[in-house]
Amino acid sequence: MDQLSSILPKVLHRRGLHGHAMAAMATHRAHDWLRAALPHCIEQLHVESLKDGVLTISATHPIAAQECMPLLPSLTEFLQRECKGCTVREVRMVRARGRKTNEANEANKGNED
């Protein structure tokens, strides 16, 4: 009898979902790594997507981005080591725009009052 660990990848491949599942796992592990490495900035950092080997992290606050930037090579190495089924070649930091930025600014105003 096959084990679940061998059946699940076969089914995902057959349904064309293996790449999506691996990208979701990589983004989840990246979020957990950021939570452990930068607990004071995790509210301002959001793992957005993994596309074509590039993991994108958005920051709603420039200080959070500045704190995270030196750690990106370590995160890349971690993901390459932990996520064997998907290729993470690069991790990029972008400044969040639109709704997330506005929500973060409103939350900061609420904390100042």
PDB file of N, CA and C in Angstrom:
ATOM      1  N   MET A   1       0.844  -1.183   0.000  1.00  0.00           N
ATOM      2  CA  MET A   1       0.000   0.000   0.000  1.00  0.00           C
ATOM      3  C   MET A   1       0.890   1.247   0.000  1.00  0.00           C
ATOM      4  N   ASP A   2       0.520   2.231  -0.807  1.00  0.00           N
ATOM      5  CA  ASP A   2       1.289   3.473  -0.902  1.00  0.00           C
ATOM      6  C   ASP A   2       1.036   4.362   0.303  1.00  0.00           C
ATOM      7  N   GLN A   3       2.071   5.091   0.684  1.00  0.00           N
ATOM      8  CA  GLN A   3       1.933   6.052   1.759  1.00  0.00           C
ATOM      9  C   GLN A   3       1.399   7.361   1.207  1.00  0.00           C
ATOM     10  N   LEU A   4       0.770   8.127   2.085  1.00  0.00           N
ATOM     11  CA  LEU A   4       0.204   9.413   1.676  1.00  0.00           C
ATOM     12  C   LEU A   4       1.276  10.328   1.103  1.00  0.00           C
ATOM     13  N   SER A   5       2.488  10.275   1.655  1.00  0.00           N
ATOM     14  CA  SER A   5       3.562  11.147   1.171  1.00  0.00           C
ATOM     15  C   SER A   5       3.951  10.843  -0.272  1.00  0.00           C
ATOM     16  N   SER A   6       3.669   9.662  -0.756  1.00  0.00           N
ATOM     17  CA  SER A   6       3.963   9.348  -2.153  1.00  0.00           C
ATOM     18  C   SER A   6       2.737   9.518  -3.049  1.00  0.00           C
ATOM     19  N   ILE A   7       1.547   9.398  -2.496  1.00  0.00           N
ATOM     20  CA  ILE A   7       0.319   9.528  -3.290  1.00  0.00           C
ATOM     21  C   ILE A   7       0.025  10.992  -3.610  1.00  0.00           C
ATOM     22  N   LEU A   8       0.158  11.853  -2.628  1.00  0.00           N
ATOM     23  CA  LEU A   8      -0.205  13.259  -2.810  1.00  0.00           C
ATOM     24  C   LEU A   8       0.557  13.930  -3.954  1.00  0.00           C
ATOM     25  N   PRO A   9       1.884  13.806  -4.049  1.00  0.00           N
ATOM     26  CA  PRO A   9       2.570  14.423  -5.197  1.00  0.00           C
ATOM     27  C   PRO A   9       2.098  13.874  -6.545  1.00  0.00           C
ATOM     28  N   LYS A  10       1.798  12.573  -6.611  1.00  0.00           N
ATOM     29  CA  LYS A  10       1.311  11.980  -7.858  1.00  0.00           C
ATOM     30  C   LYS A  10      -0.021  12.597  -8.276  1.00  0.00           C
ATOM     31  N   VAL A  11      -0.920  12.742  -7.325  1.00  0.00           N
ATOM     32  CA  VAL A  11      -2.235  13.320  -7.617  1.00  0.00           C
ATOM     33  C   VAL A  11      -2.088  14.785  -8.022  1.00  0.00           C
ATOM     34  N   LEU A  12      -1.250  15.530  -7.312  1.00  0.00           N
ATOM     35  CA  LEU A  12      -1.046  16.936  -7.657  1.00  0.00           C
ATOM     36  C   LEU A  12      -0.448  17.081  -9.057  1.00  0.00           C
ATOM     37  N   HIS A  13       0.496  16.222  -9.408  1.00  0.00           N
ATOM     38  CA  HIS A  13       1.080  16.261 -10.756  1.00  0.00           C
ATOM     39  C   HIS A  13       0.001  15.955 -11.802  1.00  0.00           C
ATOM     40  N   ARG A  14      -0.790  14.930 -11.523  1.00  0.00           N
ATOM     41  CA  ARG A  14      -1.817  14.515 -12.470  1.00  0.00           C
ATOM     42  C   ARG A  14      -2.832  15.625 -12.701  1.00  0.00           C
ATOM     43  N   ARG A  15      -3.156  16.369 -11.669  1.00  0.00           N
ATOM     44  CA  ARG A  15      -4.151  17.449 -11.768  1.00  0.00           C
ATOM     45  C   ARG A  15      -3.539  18.785 -12.193  1.00  0.00           C
ATOM     46  N   GLY A  16      -2.217  18.827 -12.329  1.00  0.00           N
ATOM     47  CA  GLY A  16      -1.553  20.062 -12.735  1.00  0.00           C
ATOM     48  C   GLY A  16      -1.447  21.082 -11.615  1.00  0.00           C
ATOM     49  N   LEU A  17      -1.468  20.609 -10.377  1.00  0.00           N
ATOM     50  CA  LEU A  17      -1.447  21.510  -9.227  1.00  0.00           C
ATOM     51  C   LEU A  17      -0.167  21.439  -8.409  1.00  0.00           C
ATOM     52  N   HIS A  18       0.772  20.645  -8.836  1.00  0.00           N
ATOM     53  CA  HIS A  18       1.986  20.455  -8.039  1.00  0.00           C
ATOM     54  C   HIS A  18       2.763  21.762  -7.878  1.00  0.00           C
ATOM     55  N   GLY A  19       2.910  22.520  -8.949  1.00  0.00           N
ATOM     56  CA  GLY A  19       3.630  23.795  -8.874  1.00  0.00           C
ATOM     57  C   GLY A  19       2.959  24.782  -7.943  1.00  0.00           C
ATOM     58  N   HIS A  20       1.633  24.833  -7.979  1.00  0.00           N
ATOM     59  CA  HIS A  20       0.889  25.730  -7.092  1.00  0.00           C
ATOM     60  C   HIS A  20       1.056  25.318  -5.635  1.00  0.00           C
ATOM     61  N   ALA A  21       1.001  24.021  -5.378  1.00  0.00           N
ATOM     62  CA  ALA A  21       1.153  23.530  -4.007  1.00  0.00           C
ATOM     63  C   ALA A  21       2.551  23.817  -3.472  1.00  0.00           C
ATOM     64  N   MET A  22       3.562  23.634  -4.303  1.00  0.00           N
ATOM     65  CA  MET A  22       4.931  23.896  -3.868  1.00  0.00           C
ATOM     66  C   MET A  22       5.153  25.386  -3.626  1.00  0.00           C
ATOM     67  N   ALA A  23       4.572  26.236  -4.466  1.00  0.00           N
ATOM     68  CA  ALA A  23       4.686  27.684  -4.267  1.00  0.00           C
ATOM     69  C   ALA A  23       3.986  28.100  -2.975  1.00  0.00           C
ATOM     70  N   ALA A  24       2.835  27.509  -2.698  1.00  0.00           N
ATOM     71  CA  ALA A  24       2.122  27.817  -1.451  1.00  0.00           C
ATOM     72  C   ALA A  24       2.943  27.385  -0.241  1.00  0.00           C
ATOM     73  N   MET A  25       3.581  26.221  -0.330  1.00  0.00           N
ATOM     74  CA  MET A  25       4.413  25.754   0.774  1.00  0.00           C
ATOM     75  C   MET A  25       5.603  26.694   0.985  1.00  0.00           C
ATOM     76  N   ALA A  26       6.226  27.142  -0.108  1.00  0.00           N
ATOM     77  CA  ALA A  26       7.375  28.042   0.007  1.00  0.00           C
ATOM     78  C   ALA A  26       6.963  29.382   0.619  1.00  0.00           C
ATOM     79  N   THR A  27       5.825  29.921   0.211  1.00  0.00           N
ATOM     80  CA  THR A  27       5.388  31.197   0.782  1.00  0.00           C
ATOM     81  C   THR A  27       5.041  31.033   2.262  1.00  0.00           C
ATOM     82  N   HIS A  28       4.451  29.906   2.615  1.00  0.00           N
ATOM     83  CA  HIS A  28       4.128  29.653   4.024  1.00  0.00           C
ATOM     84  C   HIS A  28       5.404  29.540   4.873  1.00  0.00           C
ATOM     85  N   ARG A  29       6.374  28.806   4.373  1.00  0.00           N
ATOM     86  CA  ARG A  29       7.639  28.665   5.111  1.00  0.00           C
ATOM     87  C   ARG A  29       8.390  29.994   5.198  1.00  0.00           C
ATOM     88  N   ALA A  30       8.311  30.800   4.146  1.00  0.00           N
ATOM     89  CA  ALA A  30       8.954  32.118   4.177  1.00  0.00           C
ATOM     90  C   ALA A  30       8.298  32.998   5.240  1.00  0.00           C
ATOM     91  N   HIS A  31       6.972  32.940   5.327  1.00  0.00           N
ATOM     92  CA  HIS A  31       6.269  33.732   6.340  1.00  0.00           C
ATOM     93  C   HIS A  31       6.672  33.290   7.747  1.00  0.00           C
ATOM     94  N   ASP A  32       6.729  31.983   7.970  1.00  0.00           N
ATOM     95  CA  ASP A  32       7.157  31.475   9.283  1.00  0.00           C
ATOM     96  C   ASP A  32       8.584  31.892   9.611  1.00  0.00           C
ATOM     97  N   TRP A  33       9.469  31.864   8.600  1.00  0.00           N
ATOM     98  CA  TRP A  33      10.860  32.266   8.817  1.00  0.00           C
ATOM     99  C   TRP A  33      10.930  33.744   9.184  1.00  0.00           C
ATOM    100  N   LEU A  34      10.167  34.572   8.474  1.00  0.00           N
ATOM    101  CA  LEU A  34      10.153  36.006   8.785  1.00  0.00           C
ATOM    102  C   LEU A  34       9.592  36.270  10.177  1.00  0.00           C
ATOM    103  N   ARG A  35       8.570  35.517  10.555  1.00  0.00           N
ATOM    104  CA  ARG A  35       7.989  35.676  11.890  1.00  0.00           C
ATOM    105  C   ARG A  35       9.026  35.375  12.972  1.00  0.00           C
ATOM    106  N   ALA A  36       9.862  34.360  12.739  1.00  0.00           N
ATOM    107  CA  ALA A  36      10.890  34.007  13.718  1.00  0.00           C
ATOM    108  C   ALA A  36      12.054  34.996  13.688  1.00  0.00           C
ATOM    109  N   ALA A  37      12.435  35.454  12.503  1.00  0.00           N
ATOM    110  CA  ALA A  37      13.608  36.330  12.367  1.00  0.00           C
ATOM    111  C   ALA A  37      13.300  37.783  12.723  1.00  0.00           C
ATOM    112  N   LEU A  38      12.102  38.246  12.386  1.00  0.00           N
ATOM    113  CA  LEU A  38      11.732  39.651  12.611  1.00  0.00           C
ATOM    114  C   LEU A  38      10.352  39.743  13.269  1.00  0.00           C
ATOM    115  N   PRO A  39      10.232  39.267  14.501  1.00  0.00           N
ATOM    116  CA  PRO A  39       8.898  39.275  15.128  1.00  0.00           C
ATOM    117  C   PRO A  39       8.325  40.682  15.307  1.00  0.00           C
ATOM    118  N   HIS A  40       9.179  41.672  15.455  1.00  0.00           N
ATOM    119  CA  HIS A  40       8.714  43.047  15.665  1.00  0.00           C
ATOM    120  C   HIS A  40       8.247  43.710  14.368  1.00  0.00           C
ATOM    121  N   CYS A  41       8.544  43.115  13.217  1.00  0.00           N
ATOM    122  CA  CYS A  41       8.171  43.700  11.915  1.00  0.00           C
ATOM    123  C   CYS A  41       7.156  42.872  11.147  1.00  0.00           C
ATOM    124  N   ILE A  42       6.722  41.740  11.691  1.00  0.00           N
ATOM    125  CA  ILE A  42       5.909  40.806  10.916  1.00  0.00           C
ATOM    126  C   ILE A  42       4.580  41.410  10.469  1.00  0.00           C
ATOM    127  N   GLU A  43       4.038  42.362  11.196  1.00  0.00           N
ATOM    128  CA  GLU A  43       2.776  42.990  10.792  1.00  0.00           C
ATOM    129  C   GLU A  43       2.939  43.833   9.535  1.00  0.00           C
ATOM    130  N   GLN A  44       4.130  44.306   9.257  1.00  0.00           N
ATOM    131  CA  GLN A  44       4.372  45.154   8.087  1.00  0.00           C
ATOM    132  C   GLN A  44       4.957  44.392   6.901  1.00  0.00           C
ATOM    133  N   LEU A  45       5.256  43.102   7.064  1.00  0.00           N
ATOM    134  CA  LEU A  45       5.841  42.293   5.994  1.00  0.00           C
ATOM    135  C   LEU A  45       4.833  41.248   5.543  1.00  0.00           C
ATOM    136  N   HIS A  46       4.645  41.140   4.224  1.00  0.00           N
ATOM    137  CA  HIS A  46       3.674  40.207   3.670  1.00  0.00           C
ATOM    138  C   HIS A  46       4.325  39.445   2.521  1.00  0.00           C
ATOM    139  N   VAL A  47       4.346  38.123   2.632  1.00  0.00           N
ATOM    140  CA  VAL A  47       4.856  37.289   1.548  1.00  0.00           C
ATOM    141  C   VAL A  47       3.755  37.236   0.493  1.00  0.00           C
ATOM    142  N   GLU A  48       4.035  37.791  -0.667  1.00  0.00           N
ATOM    143  CA  GLU A  48       3.011  37.953  -1.697  1.00  0.00           C
ATOM    144  C   GLU A  48       2.889  36.742  -2.616  1.00  0.00           C
ATOM    145  N   SER A  49       3.980  36.364  -3.283  1.00  0.00           N
ATOM    146  CA  SER A  49       3.863  35.299  -4.286  1.00  0.00           C
ATOM    147  C   SER A  49       5.229  34.706  -4.607  1.00  0.00           C
ATOM    148  N   LEU A  50       5.182  33.559  -5.240  1.00  0.00           N
ATOM    149  CA  LEU A  50       6.367  32.926  -5.804  1.00  0.00           C
ATOM    150  C   LEU A  50       6.055  32.652  -7.262  1.00  0.00           C
ATOM    151  N   LYS A  51       6.747  33.356  -8.139  1.00  0.00           N
ATOM    152  CA  LYS A  51       6.500  33.215  -9.575  1.00  0.00           C
ATOM    153  C   LYS A  51       7.835  33.211 -10.306  1.00  0.00           C
ATOM    154  N   ASP A  52       8.044  32.216 -11.128  1.00  0.00           N
ATOM    155  CA  ASP A  52       9.261  32.077 -11.921  1.00  0.00           C
ATOM    156  C   ASP A  52      10.521  32.112 -11.065  1.00  0.00           C
ATOM    157  N   GLY A  53      10.462  31.500  -9.891  1.00  0.00           N
ATOM    158  CA  GLY A  53      11.624  31.420  -9.015  1.00  0.00           C
ATOM    159  C   GLY A  53      11.896  32.663  -8.197  1.00  0.00           C
ATOM    160  N   VAL A  54      10.990  33.653  -8.253  1.00  0.00           N
ATOM    161  CA  VAL A  54      11.178  34.902  -7.509  1.00  0.00           C
ATOM    162  C   VAL A  54      10.084  35.014  -6.448  1.00  0.00           C
ATOM    163  N   LEU A  55      10.492  35.006  -5.204  1.00  0.00           N
ATOM    164  CA  LEU A  55       9.573  35.201  -4.088  1.00  0.00           C
ATOM    165  C   LEU A  55       9.489  36.693  -3.807  1.00  0.00           C
ATOM    166  N   THR A  56       8.279  37.212  -3.742  1.00  0.00           N
ATOM    167  CA  THR A  56       8.073  38.642  -3.529  1.00  0.00           C
ATOM    168  C   THR A  56       7.517  38.884  -2.139  1.00  0.00           C
ATOM    169  N   ILE A  57       8.175  39.788  -1.414  1.00  0.00           N
ATOM    170  CA  ILE A  57       7.732  40.197  -0.086  1.00  0.00           C
ATOM    171  C   ILE A  57       7.428  41.680  -0.162  1.00  0.00           C
ATOM    172  N   SER A  58       6.246  42.068   0.304  1.00  0.00           N
ATOM    173  CA  SER A  58       5.913  43.491   0.316  1.00  0.00           C
ATOM    174  C   SER A  58       6.004  44.008   1.741  1.00  0.00           C
ATOM    175  N   ALA A  59       6.386  45.258   1.852  1.00  0.00           N
ATOM    176  CA  ALA A  59       6.510  45.909   3.164  1.00  0.00           C
ATOM    177  C   ALA A  59       5.615  47.138   3.164  1.00  0.00           C
ATOM    178  N   THR A  60       4.810  47.265   4.218  1.00  0.00           N
ATOM    179  CA  THR A  60       3.924  48.420   4.320  1.00  0.00           C
ATOM    180  C   THR A  60       4.602  49.588   5.016  1.00  0.00           C
ATOM    181  N   HIS A  61       5.775  49.348   5.577  1.00  0.00           N
ATOM    182  CA  HIS A  61       6.497  50.399   6.275  1.00  0.00           C
ATOM    183  C   HIS A  61       7.964  50.346   5.859  1.00  0.00           C
ATOM    184  N   PRO A  62       8.588  51.488   5.575  1.00  0.00           N
ATOM    185  CA  PRO A  62       9.981  51.473   5.101  1.00  0.00           C
ATOM    186  C   PRO A  62      10.977  50.934   6.128  1.00  0.00           C
ATOM    187  N   ILE A  63      10.709  51.099   7.405  1.00  0.00           N
ATOM    188  CA  ILE A  63      11.636  50.576   8.421  1.00  0.00           C
ATOM    189  C   ILE A  63      11.613  49.051   8.419  1.00  0.00           C
ATOM    190  N   ALA A  64      10.427  48.468   8.235  1.00  0.00           N
ATOM    191  CA  ALA A  64      10.332  47.006   8.152  1.00  0.00           C
ATOM    192  C   ALA A  64      11.102  46.495   6.937  1.00  0.00           C
ATOM    193  N   ALA A  65      10.994  47.198   5.822  1.00  0.00           N
ATOM    194  CA  ALA A  65      11.748  46.812   4.624  1.00  0.00           C
ATOM    195  C   ALA A  65      13.246  46.916   4.869  1.00  0.00           C
ATOM    196  N   GLN A  66      13.660  47.975   5.536  1.00  0.00           N
ATOM    197  CA  GLN A  66      15.077  48.178   5.832  1.00  0.00           C
ATOM    198  C   GLN A  66      15.602  47.089   6.758  1.00  0.00           C
ATOM    199  N   GLU A  67      14.799  46.673   7.728  1.00  0.00           N
ATOM    200  CA  GLU A  67      15.201  45.597   8.644  1.00  0.00           C
ATOM    201  C   GLU A  67      15.298  44.255   7.918  1.00  0.00           C
ATOM    202  N   CYS A  68      14.432  44.050   6.942  1.00  0.00           N
ATOM    203  CA  CYS A  68      14.356  42.764   6.250  1.00  0.00           C
ATOM    204  C   CYS A  68      15.417  42.596   5.160  1.00  0.00           C
ATOM    205  N   MET A  69      15.796  43.674   4.514  1.00  0.00           N
ATOM    206  CA  MET A  69      16.707  43.595   3.365  1.00  0.00           C
ATOM    207  C   MET A  69      18.003  42.812   3.634  1.00  0.00           C
ATOM    208  N   PRO A  70      18.701  43.039   4.734  1.00  0.00           N
ATOM    209  CA  PRO A  70      19.949  42.280   4.943  1.00  0.00           C
ATOM    210  C   PRO A  70      19.721  40.785   5.178  1.00  0.00           C
ATOM    211  N   LEU A  71      18.497  40.402   5.506  1.00  0.00           N
ATOM    212  CA  LEU A  71      18.204  39.000   5.796  1.00  0.00           C
ATOM    213  C   LEU A  71      17.752  38.213   4.567  1.00  0.00           C
ATOM    214  N   LEU A  72      17.546  38.881   3.443  1.00  0.00           N
ATOM    215  CA  LEU A  72      17.034  38.204   2.256  1.00  0.00           C
ATOM    216  C   LEU A  72      17.950  37.085   1.746  1.00  0.00           C
ATOM    217  N   PRO A  73      19.279  37.238   1.740  1.00  0.00           N
ATOM    218  CA  PRO A  73      20.119  36.100   1.318  1.00  0.00           C
ATOM    219  C   PRO A  73      19.962  34.878   2.231  1.00  0.00           C
ATOM    220  N   SER A  74      19.805  35.104   3.528  1.00  0.00           N
ATOM    221  CA  SER A  74      19.595  33.978   4.450  1.00  0.00           C
ATOM    222  C   SER A  74      18.259  33.298   4.192  1.00  0.00           C
ATOM    223  N   LEU A  75      17.231  34.086   3.904  1.00  0.00           N
ATOM    224  CA  LEU A  75      15.921  33.524   3.589  1.00  0.00           C
ATOM    225  C   LEU A  75      15.986  32.723   2.298  1.00  0.00           C
ATOM    226  N   THR A  76      16.693  33.229   1.315  1.00  0.00           N
ATOM    227  CA  THR A  76      16.840  32.510   0.050  1.00  0.00           C
ATOM    228  C   THR A  76      17.517  31.162   0.276  1.00  0.00           C
ATOM    229  N   GLU A  77      18.579  31.143   1.035  1.00  0.00           N
ATOM    230  CA  GLU A  77      19.278  29.887   1.335  1.00  0.00           C
ATOM    231  C   GLU A  77      18.373  28.922   2.081  1.00  0.00           C
ATOM    232  N   PHE A  78      17.611  29.429   3.043  1.00  0.00           N
ATOM    233  CA  PHE A  78      16.683  28.598   3.807  1.00  0.00           C
ATOM    234  C   PHE A  78      15.656  27.947   2.880  1.00  0.00           C
ATOM    235  N   LEU A  79      15.060  28.740   1.995  1.00  0.00           N
ATOM    236  CA  LEU A  79      14.032  28.203   1.098  1.00  0.00           C
ATOM    237  C   LEU A  79      14.619  27.210   0.096  1.00  0.00           C
ATOM    238  N   GLN A  80      15.822  27.454  -0.382  1.00  0.00           N
ATOM    239  CA  GLN A  80      16.459  26.513  -1.297  1.00  0.00           C
ATOM    240  C   GLN A  80      16.743  25.187  -0.605  1.00  0.00           C
ATOM    241  N   ARG A  81      17.056  25.258   0.664  1.00  0.00           N
ATOM    242  CA  ARG A  81      17.344  24.048   1.435  1.00  0.00           C
ATOM    243  C   ARG A  81      16.060  23.309   1.828  1.00  0.00           C
ATOM    244  N   GLU A  82      15.026  24.037   2.228  1.00  0.00           N
ATOM    245  CA  GLU A  82      13.816  23.432   2.775  1.00  0.00           C
ATOM    246  C   GLU A  82      12.766  23.064   1.730  1.00  0.00           C
ATOM    247  N   CYS A  83      12.732  23.764   0.623  1.00  0.00           N
ATOM    248  CA  CYS A  83      11.693  23.549  -0.395  1.00  0.00           C
ATOM    249  C   CYS A  83      12.322  22.918  -1.624  1.00  0.00           C
ATOM    250  N   LYS A  84      12.585  21.643  -1.548  1.00  0.00           N
ATOM    251  CA  LYS A  84      13.285  20.935  -2.622  1.00  0.00           C
ATOM    252  C   LYS A  84      12.464  20.874  -3.907  1.00  0.00           C
ATOM    253  N   GLY A  85      11.147  20.837  -3.805  1.00  0.00           N
ATOM    254  CA  GLY A  85      10.313  20.663  -4.979  1.00  0.00           C
ATOM    255  C   GLY A  85      10.093  21.915  -5.811  1.00  0.00           C
ATOM    256  N   CYS A  86      10.487  23.071  -5.304  1.00  0.00           N
ATOM    257  CA  CYS A  86      10.318  24.300  -6.078  1.00  0.00           C
ATOM    258  C   CYS A  86      11.622  25.078  -6.060  1.00  0.00           C
ATOM    259  N   THR A  87      11.809  25.861  -7.076  1.00  0.00           N
ATOM    260  CA  THR A  87      13.047  26.605  -7.215  1.00  0.00           C
ATOM    261  C   THR A  87      12.841  28.043  -6.772  1.00  0.00           C
ATOM    262  N   VAL A  88      13.544  28.439  -5.731  1.00  0.00           N
ATOM    263  CA  VAL A  88      13.538  29.837  -5.295  1.00  0.00           C
ATOM    264  C   VAL A  88      14.925  30.381  -5.602  1.00  0.00           C
ATOM    265  N   ARG A  89      15.007  31.156  -6.674  1.00  0.00           N
ATOM    266  CA  ARG A  89      16.298  31.714  -7.095  1.00  0.00           C
ATOM    267  C   ARG A  89      16.577  33.043  -6.419  1.00  0.00           C
ATOM    268  N   GLU A  90      15.520  33.778  -6.109  1.00  0.00           N
ATOM    269  CA  GLU A  90      15.699  35.141  -5.618  1.00  0.00           C
ATOM    270  C   GLU A  90      14.521  35.528  -4.729  1.00  0.00           C
ATOM    271  N   VAL A  91      14.799  36.381  -3.750  1.00  0.00           N
ATOM    272  CA  VAL A  91      13.745  36.970  -2.917  1.00  0.00           C
ATOM    273  C   VAL A  91      13.829  38.476  -3.104  1.00  0.00           C
ATOM    274  N   ARG A  92      12.699  39.079  -3.466  1.00  0.00           N
ATOM    275  CA  ARG A  92      12.657  40.527  -3.707  1.00  0.00           C
ATOM    276  C   ARG A  92      11.760  41.214  -2.692  1.00  0.00           C
ATOM    277  N   MET A  93      12.175  42.401  -2.328  1.00  0.00           N
ATOM    278  CA  MET A  93      11.396  43.244  -1.422  1.00  0.00           C
ATOM    279  C   MET A  93      10.777  44.356  -2.251  1.00  0.00           C
ATOM    280  N   VAL A  94       9.477  44.572  -2.090  1.00  0.00           N
ATOM    281  CA  VAL A  94       8.793  45.666  -2.767  1.00  0.00           C
ATOM    282  C   VAL A  94       8.028  46.477  -1.733  1.00  0.00           C
ATOM    283  N   ARG A  95       7.780  47.707  -2.071  1.00  0.00           N
ATOM    284  CA  ARG A  95       6.998  48.590  -1.192  1.00  0.00           C
ATOM    285  C   ARG A  95       5.534  48.370  -1.516  1.00  0.00           C
ATOM    286  N   ALA A  96       4.734  48.089  -0.503  1.00  0.00           N
ATOM    287  CA  ALA A  96       3.303  47.860  -0.700  1.00  0.00           C
ATOM    288  C   ALA A  96       2.634  49.150  -1.129  1.00  0.00           C
ATOM    289  N   ARG A  97       1.674  49.005  -2.005  1.00  0.00           N
ATOM    290  CA  ARG A  97       0.928  50.153  -2.491  1.00  0.00           C
ATOM    291  C   ARG A  97      -0.561  49.885  -2.299  1.00  0.00           C
ATOM    292  N   GLY A  98      -1.347  50.942  -2.272  1.00  0.00           N
ATOM    293  CA  GLY A  98      -2.794  50.784  -2.240  1.00  0.00           C
ATOM    294  C   GLY A  98      -3.340  50.440  -0.878  1.00  0.00           C
ATOM    295  N   ARG A  99      -4.244  49.462  -0.856  1.00  0.00           N
ATOM    296  CA  ARG A  99      -5.027  49.140   0.325  1.00  0.00           C
ATOM    297  C   ARG A  99      -4.167  48.766   1.529  1.00  0.00           C
ATOM    298  N   LYS A 100      -3.170  47.928   1.362  1.00  0.00           N
ATOM    299  CA  LYS A 100      -2.362  47.492   2.499  1.00  0.00           C
ATOM    300  C   LYS A 100      -1.624  48.660   3.137  1.00  0.00           C
ATOM    301  N   THR A 101      -1.115  49.541   2.328  1.00  0.00           N
ATOM    302  CA  THR A 101      -0.420  50.712   2.856  1.00  0.00           C
ATOM    303  C   THR A 101      -1.386  51.586   3.637  1.00  0.00           C
ATOM    304  N   ASN A 102      -2.569  51.810   3.090  1.00  0.00           N
ATOM    305  CA  ASN A 102      -3.566  52.623   3.787  1.00  0.00           C
ATOM    306  C   ASN A 102      -3.997  51.987   5.092  1.00  0.00           C
ATOM    307  N   GLU A 103      -4.184  50.662   5.109  1.00  0.00           N
ATOM    308  CA  GLU A 103      -4.556  49.968   6.339  1.00  0.00           C
ATOM    309  C   GLU A 103      -3.453  50.099   7.387  1.00  0.00           C
ATOM    310  N   ALA A 104      -2.212  49.971   6.981  1.00  0.00           N
ATOM    311  CA  ALA A 104      -1.087  50.083   7.916  1.00  0.00           C
ATOM    312  C   ALA A 104      -1.008  51.493   8.480  1.00  0.00           C
ATOM    313  N   ASN A 105      -1.204  52.510   7.642  1.00  0.00           N
ATOM    314  CA  ASN A 105      -1.157  53.892   8.118  1.00  0.00           C
ATOM    315  C   ASN A 105      -2.280  54.159   9.109  1.00  0.00           C
ATOM    316  N   GLU A 106      -3.490  53.629   8.843  1.00  0.00           N
ATOM    317  CA  GLU A 106      -4.604  53.819   9.767  1.00  0.00           C
ATOM    318  C   GLU A 106      -4.342  53.101  11.092  1.00  0.00           C
ATOM    319  N   ALA A 107      -3.746  51.916  11.027  1.00  0.00           N
ATOM    320  CA  ALA A 107      -3.431  51.178  12.252  1.00  0.00           C
ATOM    321  C   ALA A 107      -2.388  51.934  13.073  1.00  0.00           C
ATOM    322  N   ASN A 108      -1.392  52.506  12.410  1.00  0.00           N
ATOM    323  CA  ASN A 108      -0.370  53.291  13.131  1.00  0.00           C
ATOM    324  C   ASN A 108      -0.958  54.533  13.769  1.00  0.00           C
ATOM    325  N   LYS A 109      -1.898  55.187  13.082  1.00  0.00           N
ATOM    326  CA  LYS A 109      -2.556  56.368  13.664  1.00  0.00           C
ATOM    327  C   LYS A 109      -3.341  55.988  14.896  1.00  0.00           C
ATOM    328  N   GLY A 110      -4.006  54.809  14.840  1.00  0.00           N
ATOM    329  CA  GLY A 110      -4.760  54.327  15.980  1.00  0.00           C
ATOM    330  C   GLY A 110      -3.862  54.026  17.172  1.00  0.00           C
ATOM    331  N   ASN A 111      -2.648  53.538  16.927  1.00  0.00           N
ATOM    332  CA  ASN A 111      -1.710  53.220  18.000  1.00  0.00           C
ATOM    333  C   ASN A 111      -1.137  54.479  18.631  1.00  0.00           C
ATOM    334  N   GLU A 112      -1.075  55.566  17.870  1.00  0.00           N
ATOM    335  CA  GLU A 112      -0.507  56.803  18.392  1.00  0.00           C
ATOM    336  C   GLU A 112      -1.462  57.541  19.327  1.00  0.00           C
ATOM    337  N   ASP A 113      -2.777  57.306  19.127  1.00  0.00           N
ATOM    338  CA  ASP A 113      -3.769  58.020  19.952  1.00  0.00           C
ATOM    339  C   ASP A 113      -3.818  57.536  21.361  1.00  0.00           C
TER     340      ASP A 113
END
